[in-house]
Amino acid sequence: MIMSEYLILIYEAESAYATASEQVMGEVMEAHNAFSEKFGSAIKGGHALQPTLTATSIRDAEVTDGAFAETKEALGGYYLVEAADFDEAIAIAKEVPARFGGVEVRPVMVFEE
């Protein structure tokens, strides 16, 4: 079976994490650990990202501090998963812990060599 890769982007409200208790942070970590355990064979990579305050944007060779746009939710992390098709990727993405937001699923573009 040919598998495809999908990027699951996690968008959440950074302010919710900034004010979250240790208990809430523990619950979030526990949820991600459980997700990783359940879908470990499909997960090909993933990371949490530092807050948008650490971002640097480059547009037309102009370097500025911060993310491109201010939004309620910011890209906070991602999982790269392998799935048989988009429906399977969606099923996996529905289980990604995103307590303070949601996720976006995008197929990874493959270029022929």
PDB file of N, CA and C in Angstrom:
ATOM      1  N   MET A   1       0.838  -1.179   0.000  1.00  0.00           N
ATOM      2  CA  MET A   1       0.000   0.000   0.000  1.00  0.00           C
ATOM      3  C   MET A   1       0.884   1.244   0.000  1.00  0.00           C
ATOM      4  N   ILE A   2       0.571   2.180  -0.879  1.00  0.00           N
ATOM      5  CA  ILE A   2       1.316   3.434  -0.942  1.00  0.00           C
ATOM      6  C   ILE A   2       0.752   4.381   0.110  1.00  0.00           C
ATOM      7  N   MET A   3       1.635   4.908   0.936  1.00  0.00           N
ATOM      8  CA  MET A   3       1.235   5.840   1.988  1.00  0.00           C
ATOM      9  C   MET A   3       1.647   7.252   1.574  1.00  0.00           C
ATOM     10  N   SER A   4       0.891   8.220   2.040  1.00  0.00           N
ATOM     11  CA  SER A   4       1.196   9.627   1.790  1.00  0.00           C
ATOM     12  C   SER A   4       1.462  10.318   3.115  1.00  0.00           C
ATOM     13  N   GLU A   5       2.151  11.451   3.048  1.00  0.00           N
ATOM     14  CA  GLU A   5       2.424  12.216   4.258  1.00  0.00           C
ATOM     15  C   GLU A   5       1.494  13.417   4.343  1.00  0.00           C
ATOM     16  N   TYR A   6       1.090  13.711   5.571  1.00  0.00           N
ATOM     17  CA  TYR A   6       0.212  14.845   5.865  1.00  0.00           C
ATOM     18  C   TYR A   6       0.786  15.603   7.044  1.00  0.00           C
ATOM     19  N   LEU A   7       0.703  16.914   6.985  1.00  0.00           N
ATOM     20  CA  LEU A   7       1.151  17.754   8.086  1.00  0.00           C
ATOM     21  C   LEU A   7      -0.083  18.210   8.848  1.00  0.00           C
ATOM     22  N   ILE A   8      -0.092  17.928  10.137  1.00  0.00           N
ATOM     23  CA  ILE A   8      -1.172  18.374  11.008  1.00  0.00           C
ATOM     24  C   ILE A   8      -0.630  19.558  11.786  1.00  0.00           C
ATOM     25  N   LEU A   9      -1.156  20.745  11.481  1.00  0.00           N
ATOM     26  CA  LEU A   9      -0.720  21.987  12.115  1.00  0.00           C
ATOM     27  C   LEU A   9      -1.634  22.279  13.295  1.00  0.00           C
ATOM     28  N   ILE A  10      -1.048  22.558  14.436  1.00  0.00           N
ATOM     29  CA  ILE A  10      -1.818  22.793  15.658  1.00  0.00           C
ATOM     30  C   ILE A  10      -1.860  24.295  15.927  1.00  0.00           C
ATOM     31  N   TYR A  11      -3.069  24.867  15.866  1.00  0.00           N
ATOM     32  CA  TYR A  11      -3.271  26.291  16.127  1.00  0.00           C
ATOM     33  C   TYR A  11      -4.030  26.444  17.435  1.00  0.00           C
ATOM     34  N   GLU A  12      -3.444  27.186  18.364  1.00  0.00           N
ATOM     35  CA  GLU A  12      -4.091  27.392  19.653  1.00  0.00           C
ATOM     36  C   GLU A  12      -3.835  28.809  20.148  1.00  0.00           C
ATOM     37  N   ALA A  13      -4.602  29.205  21.144  1.00  0.00           N
ATOM     38  CA  ALA A  13      -4.441  30.518  21.763  1.00  0.00           C
ATOM     39  C   ALA A  13      -3.240  30.472  22.715  1.00  0.00           C
ATOM     40  N   GLU A  14      -2.193  31.216  22.370  1.00  0.00           N
ATOM     41  CA  GLU A  14      -0.999  31.241  23.222  1.00  0.00           C
ATOM     42  C   GLU A  14      -1.312  31.766  24.618  1.00  0.00           C
ATOM     43  N   SER A  15      -2.238  32.709  24.706  1.00  0.00           N
ATOM     44  CA  SER A  15      -2.570  33.304  26.004  1.00  0.00           C
ATOM     45  C   SER A  15      -3.113  32.265  26.973  1.00  0.00           C
ATOM     46  N   ALA A  16      -3.802  31.259  26.457  1.00  0.00           N
ATOM     47  CA  ALA A  16      -4.331  30.209  27.325  1.00  0.00           C
ATOM     48  C   ALA A  16      -3.196  29.413  27.971  1.00  0.00           C
ATOM     49  N   TYR A  17      -2.139  29.195  27.228  1.00  0.00           N
ATOM     50  CA  TYR A  17      -0.994  28.482  27.794  1.00  0.00           C
ATOM     51  C   TYR A  17      -0.223  29.372  28.769  1.00  0.00           C
ATOM     52  N   ALA A  18      -0.156  30.653  28.475  1.00  0.00           N
ATOM     53  CA  ALA A  18       0.577  31.581  29.344  1.00  0.00           C
ATOM     54  C   ALA A  18      -0.043  31.655  30.732  1.00  0.00           C
ATOM     55  N   THR A  19      -1.346  31.429  30.815  1.00  0.00           N
ATOM     56  CA  THR A  19      -2.033  31.525  32.107  1.00  0.00           C
ATOM     57  C   THR A  19      -2.448  30.163  32.657  1.00  0.00           C
ATOM     58  N   ALA A  20      -2.088  29.092  31.981  1.00  0.00           N
ATOM     59  CA  ALA A  20      -2.499  27.744  32.404  1.00  0.00           C
ATOM     60  C   ALA A  20      -1.772  27.316  33.668  1.00  0.00           C
ATOM     61  N   SER A  21      -2.481  26.590  34.498  1.00  0.00           N
ATOM     62  CA  SER A  21      -1.902  26.060  35.732  1.00  0.00           C
ATOM     63  C   SER A  21      -0.977  24.886  35.409  1.00  0.00           C
ATOM     64  N   GLU A  22      -0.187  24.495  36.389  1.00  0.00           N
ATOM     65  CA  GLU A  22       0.677  23.328  36.216  1.00  0.00           C
ATOM     66  C   GLU A  22      -0.152  22.092  35.920  1.00  0.00           C
ATOM     67  N   GLN A  23      -1.312  22.001  36.558  1.00  0.00           N
ATOM     68  CA  GLN A  23      -2.191  20.849  36.340  1.00  0.00           C
ATOM     69  C   GLN A  23      -2.654  20.794  34.889  1.00  0.00           C
ATOM     70  N   VAL A  24      -3.082  21.934  34.357  1.00  0.00           N
ATOM     71  CA  VAL A  24      -3.535  21.984  32.961  1.00  0.00           C
ATOM     72  C   VAL A  24      -2.382  21.630  32.027  1.00  0.00           C
ATOM     73  N   MET A  25      -1.217  22.181  32.278  1.00  0.00           N
ATOM     74  CA  MET A  25      -0.061  21.875  31.429  1.00  0.00           C
ATOM     75  C   MET A  25       0.272  20.384  31.482  1.00  0.00           C
ATOM     76  N   GLY A  26       0.141  19.795  32.662  1.00  0.00           N
ATOM     77  CA  GLY A  26       0.365  18.357  32.807  1.00  0.00           C
ATOM     78  C   GLY A  26      -0.652  17.553  32.017  1.00  0.00           C
ATOM     79  N   GLU A  27      -1.905  17.998  32.051  1.00  0.00           N
ATOM     80  CA  GLU A  27      -2.961  17.318  31.295  1.00  0.00           C
ATOM     81  C   GLU A  27      -2.705  17.409  29.795  1.00  0.00           C
ATOM     82  N   VAL A  28      -2.243  18.566  29.327  1.00  0.00           N
ATOM     83  CA  VAL A  28      -1.935  18.742  27.906  1.00  0.00           C
ATOM     84  C   VAL A  28      -0.800  17.808  27.501  1.00  0.00           C
ATOM     85  N   MET A  29       0.254  17.765  28.298  1.00  0.00           N
ATOM     86  CA  MET A  29       1.385  16.878  27.988  1.00  0.00           C
ATOM     87  C   MET A  29       0.952  15.419  27.996  1.00  0.00           C
ATOM     88  N   GLU A  30       0.132  15.063  28.954  1.00  0.00           N
ATOM     89  CA  GLU A  30      -0.377  13.691  29.048  1.00  0.00           C
ATOM     90  C   GLU A  30      -1.200  13.345  27.797  1.00  0.00           C
ATOM     91  N   ALA A  31      -2.013  14.285  27.342  1.00  0.00           N
ATOM     92  CA  ALA A  31      -2.820  14.055  26.145  1.00  0.00           C
ATOM     93  C   ALA A  31      -1.943  13.861  24.907  1.00  0.00           C
ATOM     94  N   HIS A  32      -0.881  14.661  24.776  1.00  0.00           N
ATOM     95  CA  HIS A  32       0.022  14.497  23.628  1.00  0.00           C
ATOM     96  C   HIS A  32       0.801  13.188  23.728  1.00  0.00           C
ATOM     97  N   ASN A  33       1.201  12.814  24.911  1.00  0.00           N
ATOM     98  CA  ASN A  33       1.892  11.528  25.082  1.00  0.00           C
ATOM     99  C   ASN A  33       0.973  10.370  24.700  1.00  0.00           C
ATOM    100  N   ALA A  34      -0.300  10.433  25.103  1.00  0.00           N
ATOM    101  CA  ALA A  34      -1.258   9.386  24.757  1.00  0.00           C
ATOM    102  C   ALA A  34      -1.495   9.344  23.250  1.00  0.00           C
ATOM    103  N   PHE A  35      -1.605  10.528  22.632  1.00  0.00           N
ATOM    104  CA  PHE A  35      -1.775  10.597  21.178  1.00  0.00           C
ATOM    105  C   PHE A  35      -0.572   9.957  20.485  1.00  0.00           C
ATOM    106  N   SER A  36       0.626  10.309  20.928  1.00  0.00           N
ATOM    107  CA  SER A  36       1.851   9.767  20.325  1.00  0.00           C
ATOM    108  C   SER A  36       1.940   8.257  20.501  1.00  0.00           C
ATOM    109  N   GLU A  37       1.491   7.770  21.627  1.00  0.00           N
ATOM    110  CA  GLU A  37       1.507   6.329  21.867  1.00  0.00           C
ATOM    111  C   GLU A  37       0.513   5.623  20.935  1.00  0.00           C
ATOM    112  N   LYS A  38      -0.671   6.196  20.791  1.00  0.00           N
ATOM    113  CA  LYS A  38      -1.722   5.588  19.965  1.00  0.00           C
ATOM    114  C   LYS A  38      -1.353   5.583  18.482  1.00  0.00           C
ATOM    115  N   PHE A  39      -0.766   6.668  17.996  1.00  0.00           N
ATOM    116  CA  PHE A  39      -0.483   6.806  16.562  1.00  0.00           C
ATOM    117  C   PHE A  39       1.010   6.785  16.249  1.00  0.00           C
ATOM    118  N   GLY A  40       1.805   6.214  17.132  1.00  0.00           N
ATOM    119  CA  GLY A  40       3.257   6.205  16.975  1.00  0.00           C
ATOM    120  C   GLY A  40       3.751   5.700  15.641  1.00  0.00           C
ATOM    121  N   SER A  41       3.102   4.677  15.097  1.00  0.00           N
ATOM    122  CA  SER A  41       3.572   4.133  13.819  1.00  0.00           C
ATOM    123  C   SER A  41       3.273   5.079  12.652  1.00  0.00           C
ATOM    124  N   ALA A  42       2.289   5.965  12.806  1.00  0.00           N
ATOM    125  CA  ALA A  42       1.950   6.907  11.743  1.00  0.00           C
ATOM    126  C   ALA A  42       2.732   8.212  11.858  1.00  0.00           C
ATOM    127  N   ILE A  43       3.194   8.534  13.063  1.00  0.00           N
ATOM    128  CA  ILE A  43       3.882   9.811  13.285  1.00  0.00           C
ATOM    129  C   ILE A  43       5.321   9.723  12.791  1.00  0.00           C
ATOM    130  N   LYS A  44       5.659  10.590  11.857  1.00  0.00           N
ATOM    131  CA  LYS A  44       7.011  10.622  11.292  1.00  0.00           C
ATOM    132  C   LYS A  44       7.833  11.771  11.861  1.00  0.00           C
ATOM    133  N   GLY A  45       7.203  12.669  12.579  1.00  0.00           N
ATOM    134  CA  GLY A  45       7.900  13.788  13.200  1.00  0.00           C
ATOM    135  C   GLY A  45       6.905  14.724  13.831  1.00  0.00           C
ATOM    136  N   GLY A  46       7.421  15.664  14.578  1.00  0.00           N
ATOM    137  CA  GLY A  46       6.566  16.660  15.190  1.00  0.00           C
ATOM    138  C   GLY A  46       7.312  17.400  16.280  1.00  0.00           C
ATOM    139  N   HIS A  47       6.898  18.621  16.506  1.00  0.00           N
ATOM    140  CA  HIS A  47       7.519  19.444  17.536  1.00  0.00           C
ATOM    141  C   HIS A  47       6.553  20.517  17.997  1.00  0.00           C
ATOM    142  N   ALA A  48       6.741  20.939  19.229  1.00  0.00           N
ATOM    143  CA  ALA A  48       6.090  22.150  19.720  1.00  0.00           C
ATOM    144  C   ALA A  48       6.979  23.317  19.301  1.00  0.00           C
ATOM    145  N   LEU A  49       6.379  24.475  19.123  1.00  0.00           N
ATOM    146  CA  LEU A  49       7.138  25.657  18.729  1.00  0.00           C
ATOM    147  C   LEU A  49       7.197  26.661  19.874  1.00  0.00           C
ATOM    148  N   GLN A  50       8.238  27.455  19.897  1.00  0.00           N
ATOM    149  CA  GLN A  50       8.348  28.539  20.864  1.00  0.00           C
ATOM    150  C   GLN A  50       7.254  29.566  20.552  1.00  0.00           C
ATOM    151  N   PRO A  51       6.879  30.414  21.517  1.00  0.00           N
ATOM    152  CA  PRO A  51       5.819  31.402  21.284  1.00  0.00           C
ATOM    153  C   PRO A  51       6.134  32.346  20.126  1.00  0.00           C
ATOM    154  N   THR A  52       5.089  32.972  19.592  1.00  0.00           N
ATOM    155  CA  THR A  52       5.254  33.873  18.449  1.00  0.00           C
ATOM    156  C   THR A  52       6.150  35.068  18.765  1.00  0.00           C
ATOM    157  N   LEU A  53       6.314  35.389  20.043  1.00  0.00           N
ATOM    158  CA  LEU A  53       7.241  36.478  20.400  1.00  0.00           C
ATOM    159  C   LEU A  53       8.665  36.181  19.953  1.00  0.00           C
ATOM    160  N   THR A  54       8.983  34.910  19.746  1.00  0.00           N
ATOM    161  CA  THR A  54      10.330  34.524  19.323  1.00  0.00           C
ATOM    162  C   THR A  54      10.461  34.463  17.804  1.00  0.00           C
ATOM    163  N   ALA A  55       9.356  34.671  17.095  1.00  0.00           N
ATOM    164  CA  ALA A  55       9.350  34.540  15.634  1.00  0.00           C
ATOM    165  C   ALA A  55      10.037  35.722  14.957  1.00  0.00           C
ATOM    166  N   THR A  56      10.605  35.437  13.812  1.00  0.00           N
ATOM    167  CA  THR A  56      11.141  36.459  12.925  1.00  0.00           C
ATOM    168  C   THR A  56      10.545  36.202  11.552  1.00  0.00           C
ATOM    169  N   SER A  57      10.015  37.239  10.941  1.00  0.00           N
ATOM    170  CA  SER A  57       9.401  37.112   9.624  1.00  0.00           C
ATOM    171  C   SER A  57      10.278  37.772   8.574  1.00  0.00           C
ATOM    172  N   ILE A  58      10.275  37.186   7.389  1.00  0.00           N
ATOM    173  CA  ILE A  58      11.023  37.742   6.263  1.00  0.00           C
ATOM    174  C   ILE A  58      10.070  37.821   5.086  1.00  0.00           C
ATOM    175  N   ARG A  59       9.910  39.028   4.556  1.00  0.00           N
ATOM    176  CA  ARG A  59       9.032  39.246   3.412  1.00  0.00           C
ATOM    177  C   ARG A  59       9.741  40.229   2.493  1.00  0.00           C
ATOM    178  N   ASP A  60       9.912  39.831   1.255  1.00  0.00           N
ATOM    179  CA  ASP A  60      10.627  40.672   0.286  1.00  0.00           C
ATOM    180  C   ASP A  60      11.999  41.084   0.821  1.00  0.00           C
ATOM    181  N   ALA A  61      12.695  40.142   1.437  1.00  0.00           N
ATOM    182  CA  ALA A  61      14.036  40.331   1.991  1.00  0.00           C
ATOM    183  C   ALA A  61      14.068  41.297   3.175  1.00  0.00           C
ATOM    184  N   GLU A  62      12.914  41.722   3.666  1.00  0.00           N
ATOM    185  CA  GLU A  62      12.821  42.604   4.831  1.00  0.00           C
ATOM    186  C   GLU A  62      12.599  41.740   6.074  1.00  0.00           C
ATOM    187  N   VAL A  63      13.482  41.868   7.060  1.00  0.00           N
ATOM    188  CA  VAL A  63      13.411  41.066   8.277  1.00  0.00           C
ATOM    189  C   VAL A  63      12.750  41.874   9.377  1.00  0.00           C
ATOM    190  N   THR A  64      11.715  41.294   9.999  1.00  0.00           N
ATOM    191  CA  THR A  64      11.029  41.969  11.106  1.00  0.00           C
ATOM    192  C   THR A  64      10.798  40.975  12.235  1.00  0.00           C
ATOM    193  N   ASP A  65      10.708  41.505  13.450  1.00  0.00           N
ATOM    194  CA  ASP A  65      10.410  40.657  14.595  1.00  0.00           C
ATOM    195  C   ASP A  65       8.946  40.265  14.557  1.00  0.00           C
ATOM    196  N   GLY A  66       8.655  39.059  15.034  1.00  0.00           N
ATOM    197  CA  GLY A  66       7.276  38.617  15.167  1.00  0.00           C
ATOM    198  C   GLY A  66       6.785  37.801  13.998  1.00  0.00           C
ATOM    199  N   ALA A  67       5.610  37.237  14.206  1.00  0.00           N
ATOM    200  CA  ALA A  67       4.969  36.423  13.174  1.00  0.00           C
ATOM    201  C   ALA A  67       4.392  37.329  12.090  1.00  0.00           C
ATOM    202  N   PHE A  68       3.976  36.757  10.953  1.00  0.00           N
ATOM    203  CA  PHE A  68       3.420  37.528   9.838  1.00  0.00           C
ATOM    204  C   PHE A  68       2.179  38.310  10.237  1.00  0.00           C
ATOM    205  N   ALA A  69       1.283  37.670  10.945  1.00  0.00           N
ATOM    206  CA  ALA A  69       0.015  38.326  11.267  1.00  0.00           C
ATOM    207  C   ALA A  69      -0.382  38.026  12.709  1.00  0.00           C
ATOM    208  N   GLU A  70      -1.073  38.972  13.309  1.00  0.00           N
ATOM    209  CA  GLU A  70      -1.611  38.730  14.633  1.00  0.00           C
ATOM    210  C   GLU A  70      -2.957  38.034  14.473  1.00  0.00           C
ATOM    211  N   THR A  71      -3.134  36.958  15.201  1.00  0.00           N
ATOM    212  CA  THR A  71      -4.381  36.209  15.150  1.00  0.00           C
ATOM    213  C   THR A  71      -4.737  35.747  16.556  1.00  0.00           C
ATOM    214  N   LYS A  72      -5.956  35.286  16.721  1.00  0.00           N
ATOM    215  CA  LYS A  72      -6.369  34.752  18.013  1.00  0.00           C
ATOM    216  C   LYS A  72      -5.594  33.484  18.340  1.00  0.00           C
ATOM    217  N   GLU A  73      -5.346  32.683  17.309  1.00  0.00           N
ATOM    218  CA  GLU A  73      -4.632  31.423  17.489  1.00  0.00           C
ATOM    219  C   GLU A  73      -3.352  31.454  16.658  1.00  0.00           C
ATOM    220  N   ALA A  74      -2.313  30.881  17.214  1.00  0.00           N
ATOM    221  CA  ALA A  74      -1.022  30.859  16.529  1.00  0.00           C
ATOM    222  C   ALA A  74      -0.580  29.416  16.311  1.00  0.00           C
ATOM    223  N   LEU A  75       0.253  29.212  15.310  1.00  0.00           N
ATOM    224  CA  LEU A  75       0.822  27.895  15.070  1.00  0.00           C
ATOM    225  C   LEU A  75       1.712  27.556  16.253  1.00  0.00           C
ATOM    226  N   GLY A  76       1.353  26.513  16.967  1.00  0.00           N
ATOM    227  CA  GLY A  76       2.090  26.156  18.171  1.00  0.00           C
ATOM    228  C   GLY A  76       2.871  24.862  18.056  1.00  0.00           C
ATOM    229  N   GLY A  77       2.611  24.096  17.009  1.00  0.00           N
ATOM    230  CA  GLY A  77       3.311  22.834  16.840  1.00  0.00           C
ATOM    231  C   GLY A  77       2.720  22.065  15.672  1.00  0.00           C
ATOM    232  N   TYR A  78       3.277  20.887  15.435  1.00  0.00           N
ATOM    233  CA  TYR A  78       2.810  20.093  14.305  1.00  0.00           C
ATOM    234  C   TYR A  78       3.167  18.637  14.503  1.00  0.00           C
ATOM    235  N   TYR A  79       2.464  17.796  13.790  1.00  0.00           N
ATOM    236  CA  TYR A  79       2.804  16.386  13.634  1.00  0.00           C
ATOM    237  C   TYR A  79       2.876  16.108  12.142  1.00  0.00           C
ATOM    238  N   LEU A  80       3.900  15.391  11.724  1.00  0.00           N
ATOM    239  CA  LEU A  80       3.986  14.888  10.363  1.00  0.00           C
ATOM    240  C   LEU A  80       3.575  13.430  10.447  1.00  0.00           C
ATOM    241  N   VAL A  81       2.489  13.074   9.748  1.00  0.00           N
ATOM    242  CA  VAL A  81       1.986  11.705   9.827  1.00  0.00           C
ATOM    243  C   VAL A  81       1.954  11.072   8.451  1.00  0.00           C
ATOM    244  N   GLU A  82       1.984   9.757   8.443  1.00  0.00           N
ATOM    245  CA  GLU A  82       1.852   8.990   7.224  1.00  0.00           C
ATOM    246  C   GLU A  82       0.504   8.275   7.291  1.00  0.00           C
ATOM    247  N   ALA A  83      -0.272   8.387   6.225  1.00  0.00           N
ATOM    248  CA  ALA A  83      -1.596   7.775   6.200  1.00  0.00           C
ATOM    249  C   ALA A  83      -1.895   7.246   4.803  1.00  0.00           C
ATOM    250  N   ALA A  84      -2.805   6.296   4.739  1.00  0.00           N
ATOM    251  CA  ALA A  84      -3.164   5.686   3.458  1.00  0.00           C
ATOM    252  C   ALA A  84      -3.867   6.681   2.546  1.00  0.00           C
ATOM    253  N   ASP A  85      -4.654   7.589   3.143  1.00  0.00           N
ATOM    254  CA  ASP A  85      -5.371   8.575   2.351  1.00  0.00           C
ATOM    255  C   ASP A  85      -5.778   9.744   3.252  1.00  0.00           C
ATOM    256  N   PHE A  86      -6.419  10.737   2.641  1.00  0.00           N
ATOM    257  CA  PHE A  86      -6.804  11.941   3.377  1.00  0.00           C
ATOM    258  C   PHE A  86      -7.794  11.624   4.497  1.00  0.00           C
ATOM    259  N   ASP A  87      -8.704  10.695   4.251  1.00  0.00           N
ATOM    260  CA  ASP A  87      -9.675  10.325   5.282  1.00  0.00           C
ATOM    261  C   ASP A  87      -8.988   9.772   6.527  1.00  0.00           C
ATOM    262  N   GLU A  88      -7.964   8.956   6.327  1.00  0.00           N
ATOM    263  CA  GLU A  88      -7.226   8.425   7.469  1.00  0.00           C
ATOM    264  C   GLU A  88      -6.470   9.543   8.187  1.00  0.00           C
ATOM    265  N   ALA A  89      -5.904  10.468   7.425  1.00  0.00           N
ATOM    266  CA  ALA A  89      -5.198  11.605   8.032  1.00  0.00           C
ATOM    267  C   ALA A  89      -6.164  12.443   8.865  1.00  0.00           C
ATOM    268  N   ILE A  90      -7.377  12.651   8.365  1.00  0.00           N
ATOM    269  CA  ILE A  90      -8.391  13.401   9.105  1.00  0.00           C
ATOM    270  C   ILE A  90      -8.756  12.667  10.389  1.00  0.00           C
ATOM    271  N   ALA A  91      -8.907  11.356  10.312  1.00  0.00           N
ATOM    272  CA  ALA A  91      -9.240  10.564  11.502  1.00  0.00           C
ATOM    273  C   ALA A  91      -8.159  10.720  12.569  1.00  0.00           C
ATOM    274  N   ILE A  92      -6.899  10.713  12.146  1.00  0.00           N
ATOM    275  CA  ILE A  92      -5.792  10.908  13.099  1.00  0.00           C
ATOM    276  C   ILE A  92      -5.845  12.326  13.658  1.00  0.00           C
ATOM    277  N   ALA A  93      -6.032  13.298  12.779  1.00  0.00           N
ATOM    278  CA  ALA A  93      -6.027  14.703  13.199  1.00  0.00           C
ATOM    279  C   ALA A  93      -7.140  15.013  14.192  1.00  0.00           C
ATOM    280  N   LYS A  94      -8.264  14.341  14.084  1.00  0.00           N
ATOM    281  CA  LYS A  94      -9.372  14.562  15.010  1.00  0.00           C
ATOM    282  C   LYS A  94      -8.984  14.231  16.449  1.00  0.00           C
ATOM    283  N   GLU A  95      -7.937  13.451  16.616  1.00  0.00           N
ATOM    284  CA  GLU A  95      -7.524  13.044  17.953  1.00  0.00           C
ATOM    285  C   GLU A  95      -6.326  13.828  18.487  1.00  0.00           C
ATOM    286  N   VAL A  96      -5.809  14.762  17.697  1.00  0.00           N
ATOM    287  CA  VAL A  96      -4.698  15.595  18.169  1.00  0.00           C
ATOM    288  C   VAL A  96      -5.207  16.495  19.294  1.00  0.00           C
ATOM    289  N   PRO A  97      -4.536  16.485  20.432  1.00  0.00           N
ATOM    290  CA  PRO A  97      -4.950  17.383  21.516  1.00  0.00           C
ATOM    291  C   PRO A  97      -4.723  18.841  21.119  1.00  0.00           C
ATOM    292  N   ALA A  98      -5.793  19.600  21.078  1.00  0.00           N
ATOM    293  CA  ALA A  98      -5.716  21.036  20.790  1.00  0.00           C
ATOM    294  C   ALA A  98      -6.699  21.724  21.732  1.00  0.00           C
ATOM    295  N   ARG A  99      -6.398  21.661  22.993  1.00  0.00           N
ATOM    296  CA  ARG A  99      -7.295  22.118  24.049  1.00  0.00           C
ATOM    297  C   ARG A  99      -7.759  23.560  23.880  1.00  0.00           C
ATOM    298  N   PHE A 100      -6.879  24.409  23.362  1.00  0.00           N
ATOM    299  CA  PHE A 100      -7.190  25.830  23.245  1.00  0.00           C
ATOM    300  C   PHE A 100      -7.317  26.289  21.802  1.00  0.00           C
ATOM    301  N   GLY A 101      -7.695  25.393  20.898  1.00  0.00           N
ATOM    302  CA  GLY A 101      -7.808  25.779  19.496  1.00  0.00           C
ATOM    303  C   GLY A 101      -8.207  24.613  18.625  1.00  0.00           C
ATOM    304  N   GLY A 102      -7.532  24.458  17.489  1.00  0.00           N
ATOM    305  CA  GLY A 102      -7.855  23.390  16.549  1.00  0.00           C
ATOM    306  C   GLY A 102      -6.659  23.043  15.695  1.00  0.00           C
ATOM    307  N   VAL A 103      -6.888  22.189  14.720  1.00  0.00           N
ATOM    308  CA  VAL A 103      -5.806  21.738  13.849  1.00  0.00           C
ATOM    309  C   VAL A 103      -6.182  21.931  12.386  1.00  0.00           C
ATOM    310  N   GLU A 104      -5.169  21.924  11.550  1.00  0.00           N
ATOM    311  CA  GLU A 104      -5.328  21.994  10.093  1.00  0.00           C
ATOM    312  C   GLU A 104      -4.548  20.826   9.516  1.00  0.00           C
ATOM    313  N   VAL A 105      -5.101  20.156   8.512  1.00  0.00           N
ATOM    314  CA  VAL A 105      -4.435  19.019   7.873  1.00  0.00           C
ATOM    315  C   VAL A 105      -4.128  19.401   6.436  1.00  0.00           C
ATOM    316  N   ARG A 106      -2.874  19.182   6.044  1.00  0.00           N
ATOM    317  CA  ARG A 106      -2.488  19.485   4.666  1.00  0.00           C
ATOM    318  C   ARG A 106      -1.622  18.371   4.120  1.00  0.00           C
ATOM    319  N   PRO A 107      -1.921  17.924   2.892  1.00  0.00           N
ATOM    320  CA  PRO A 107      -1.061  16.922   2.267  1.00  0.00           C
ATOM    321  C   PRO A 107       0.311  17.527   1.975  1.00  0.00           C
ATOM    322  N   VAL A 108       1.342  16.716   2.137  1.00  0.00           N
ATOM    323  CA  VAL A 108       2.693  17.132   1.797  1.00  0.00           C
ATOM    324  C   VAL A 108       2.866  16.969   0.288  1.00  0.00           C
ATOM    325  N   MET A 109       3.363  18.007  -0.366  1.00  0.00           N
ATOM    326  CA  MET A 109       3.546  17.956  -1.807  1.00  0.00           C
ATOM    327  C   MET A 109       4.796  17.147  -2.117  1.00  0.00           C
ATOM    328  N   VAL A 110       4.657  16.240  -3.072  1.00  0.00           N
ATOM    329  CA  VAL A 110       5.776  15.386  -3.489  1.00  0.00           C
ATOM    330  C   VAL A 110       6.173  15.791  -4.900  1.00  0.00           C
ATOM    331  N   PHE A 111       7.448  16.045  -5.078  1.00  0.00           N
ATOM    332  CA  PHE A 111       7.964  16.410  -6.401  1.00  0.00           C
ATOM    333  C   PHE A 111       8.671  15.199  -6.997  1.00  0.00           C
ATOM    334  N   GLU A 112       8.402  14.932  -8.237  1.00  0.00           N
ATOM    335  CA  GLU A 112       9.047  13.835  -8.943  1.00  0.00           C
ATOM    336  C   GLU A 112      10.488  14.229  -9.230  1.00  0.00           C
ATOM    337  N   GLU A 113      11.377  13.290  -9.058  1.00  0.00           N
ATOM    338  CA  GLU A 113      12.799  13.569  -9.329  1.00  0.00           C
ATOM    339  C   GLU A 113      13.203  13.112 -10.686  1.00  0.00           C
TER     340      GLU A 113
END
